[in-house]
Amino acid sequence: MKTRVTHINDWTIEFYFSFDIYDKERILDALVWADAPDSLISKVSKNIMAGRLNEGFCYSNPFLRRTVLGTGIAESGPEVLDSMVHEIIHICQHVAEEDKMNPFGEGFAYLGGDIARSVSDVVCMLSCPHCSGA
């Protein structure tokens, strides 16, 4: 598993990339840190233990301005990118709703770019078969 913590718009975002069943406790601890509801923690735990490819989640706590995002092992490089874009859009939606940001404006688009840039090296490494060993 690869991890990254980034700070954007006064939010702390914890990323967990290419997780598997052995990473469950660390991810669940992060969800507790973000004060996620028990029902979500239980659902994420079950999904991690199922070990399915191409799974992900994103939880944001707007009061604490914390997000935990995870993507499991992907079946291909394009799926790595697809999963990350999908989950980054969720982060942008959470931030936009809390900060009353126009989802059709430039600020929203720049937010997505800033988040993507903060993890681009990891996403590139995981999506490249020559770099990740996939």
Protein backbone atom coordinates (compact mmCIF):
# COMPACT_ATOMS: atom_id res chain seq x y z
CA MET A 1 0.00 0.00 0.00
CA LYS A 2 1.13 3.52 -0.78
CA THR A 3 0.00 6.43 1.36
CA ARG A 4 -0.01 10.19 1.09
CA VAL A 5 -1.22 13.05 3.26
CA THR A 6 -1.88 16.39 1.66
CA HIS A 7 -3.38 19.69 2.77
CA ILE A 8 -5.59 21.62 0.36
CA ASN A 9 -8.05 24.44 1.18
CA ASP A 10 -7.50 23.87 4.92
CA TRP A 11 -8.51 20.22 4.49
CA THR A 12 -6.32 17.30 5.43
CA ILE A 13 -6.66 14.45 2.96
CA GLU A 14 -5.26 11.00 3.70
CA PHE A 15 -4.87 8.74 0.67
CA TYR A 16 -4.48 4.96 0.78
CA PHE A 17 -3.58 3.49 -2.62
CA SER A 18 -3.61 -0.13 -3.70
CA PHE A 19 -4.72 -1.42 -0.31
CA ASP A 20 -5.42 -5.06 0.48
CA ILE A 21 -6.80 -7.00 3.44
CA TYR A 22 -3.56 -6.58 5.40
CA ASP A 23 -4.05 -2.78 5.43
CA LYS A 24 -7.50 -2.89 6.99
CA GLU A 25 -6.62 -1.75 10.52
CA ARG A 26 -4.60 1.23 9.34
CA ILE A 27 -7.43 2.37 7.08
CA LEU A 28 -10.06 1.86 9.78
CA ASP A 29 -7.92 3.88 12.19
CA ALA A 30 -7.86 6.70 9.64
CA LEU A 31 -11.65 6.61 9.38
CA VAL A 32 -11.88 6.83 13.18
CA TRP A 33 -9.48 9.83 13.01
CA ALA A 34 -11.93 11.46 10.58
CA ASP A 35 -14.82 10.64 12.96
CA ALA A 36 -16.60 8.48 10.37
CA PRO A 37 -19.84 6.86 11.48
CA ASP A 38 -19.60 3.28 12.73
CA SER A 39 -21.88 2.09 9.92
CA LEU A 40 -19.43 3.40 7.30
CA ILE A 41 -16.42 1.94 9.10
CA SER A 42 -18.16 -1.45 9.16
CA LYS A 43 -19.02 -1.21 5.45
CA VAL A 44 -15.45 -0.27 4.49
CA SER A 45 -14.11 -3.10 6.66
CA LYS A 46 -16.34 -5.64 4.90
CA ASN A 47 -15.39 -4.31 1.48
CA ILE A 48 -11.67 -4.49 2.27
CA MET A 49 -12.02 -8.07 3.52
CA ALA A 50 -13.90 -9.05 0.35
CA GLY A 51 -10.67 -8.34 -1.53
CA ARG A 52 -12.37 -7.30 -4.76
CA LEU A 53 -10.40 -5.46 -7.42
CA ASN A 54 -11.19 -1.87 -8.39
CA GLU A 55 -12.86 -0.92 -5.09
CA GLY A 56 -12.59 2.45 -3.42
CA PHE A 57 -14.13 4.77 -0.87
CA CYS A 58 -14.06 8.41 0.11
CA TYR A 59 -15.25 9.83 3.42
CA SER A 60 -15.11 13.51 4.34
CA ASN A 61 -15.93 15.14 7.64
CA PRO A 62 -16.73 18.78 6.82
CA PHE A 63 -16.61 19.89 10.46
CA LEU A 64 -13.09 18.56 10.98
CA ARG A 65 -12.15 19.24 7.34
CA ARG A 66 -10.69 15.77 7.03
CA THR A 67 -10.99 13.30 4.19
CA VAL A 68 -9.93 9.66 3.99
CA LEU A 69 -9.74 8.19 0.50
CA GLY A 70 -8.80 4.66 -0.42
CA THR A 71 -8.47 2.68 -3.61
CA GLY A 72 -7.86 -1.03 -3.60
CA ILE A 73 -5.74 -3.03 -5.96
CA ALA A 74 -6.68 -2.30 -9.57
CA GLU A 75 -6.84 -4.78 -12.41
CA SER A 76 -5.05 -2.44 -14.84
CA GLY A 77 -3.30 0.90 -15.22
CA PRO A 78 -6.36 2.59 -16.72
CA GLU A 79 -8.43 1.32 -13.78
CA VAL A 80 -5.98 2.97 -11.33
CA LEU A 81 -6.58 6.29 -13.04
CA ASP A 82 -10.34 5.73 -13.26
CA SER A 83 -10.59 4.95 -9.55
CA MET A 84 -8.54 8.00 -8.57
CA VAL A 85 -10.52 10.39 -10.75
CA HIS A 86 -13.76 8.95 -9.36
CA GLU A 87 -12.69 9.42 -5.73
CA ILE A 88 -11.11 12.85 -6.34
CA ILE A 89 -14.44 14.03 -7.76
CA HIS A 90 -16.05 13.00 -4.47
CA ILE A 91 -13.50 15.05 -2.52
CA CYS A 92 -14.18 18.05 -4.75
CA GLN A 93 -17.92 17.65 -4.18
CA HIS A 94 -17.44 17.50 -0.40
CA VAL A 95 -15.19 20.58 -0.33
CA ALA A 96 -17.42 22.51 -2.76
CA GLU A 97 -20.52 21.83 -0.71
CA GLU A 98 -18.88 22.92 2.54
CA ASP A 99 -17.11 25.96 1.06
CA LYS A 100 -20.11 26.94 -1.10
CA MET A 101 -17.98 26.62 -4.23
CA ASN A 102 -19.61 26.69 -7.66
CA PRO A 103 -19.17 23.17 -9.11
CA PHE A 104 -19.17 24.70 -12.60
CA GLY A 105 -16.53 27.32 -11.83
CA GLU A 106 -12.79 27.52 -12.24
CA GLY A 107 -12.20 27.16 -8.48
CA PHE A 108 -13.79 23.71 -8.55
CA ALA A 109 -11.69 22.68 -11.57
CA TYR A 110 -8.49 23.98 -9.95
CA LEU A 111 -9.34 22.13 -6.73
CA GLY A 112 -9.51 18.83 -8.65
CA GLY A 113 -6.23 19.61 -10.36
CA ASP A 114 -4.52 20.51 -7.10
CA ILE A 115 -5.65 17.25 -5.51
CA ALA A 116 -4.62 15.21 -8.55
CA ARG A 117 -1.22 16.92 -8.69
CA SER A 118 -0.60 16.11 -5.02
CA VAL A 119 -0.81 12.37 -5.77
CA SER A 120 0.25 12.26 -9.42
CA ASP A 121 3.56 10.52 -8.75
CA VAL A 122 1.88 7.66 -6.91
CA VAL A 123 -0.90 7.32 -9.49
CA CYS A 124 1.66 7.29 -12.32
CA MET A 125 3.74 4.64 -10.58
CA LEU A 126 0.70 2.43 -9.90
CA SER A 127 -0.73 2.83 -13.39
CA CYS A 128 2.50 2.12 -15.29
CA PRO A 129 3.17 -1.60 -15.80
CA HIS A 130 6.91 -0.90 -16.10
CA CYS A 131 6.98 1.06 -12.82
CA SER A 132 4.61 -0.91 -10.59
CA GLY A 133 5.47 -4.42 -11.65
CA ALA A 134 1.83 -5.00 -12.72
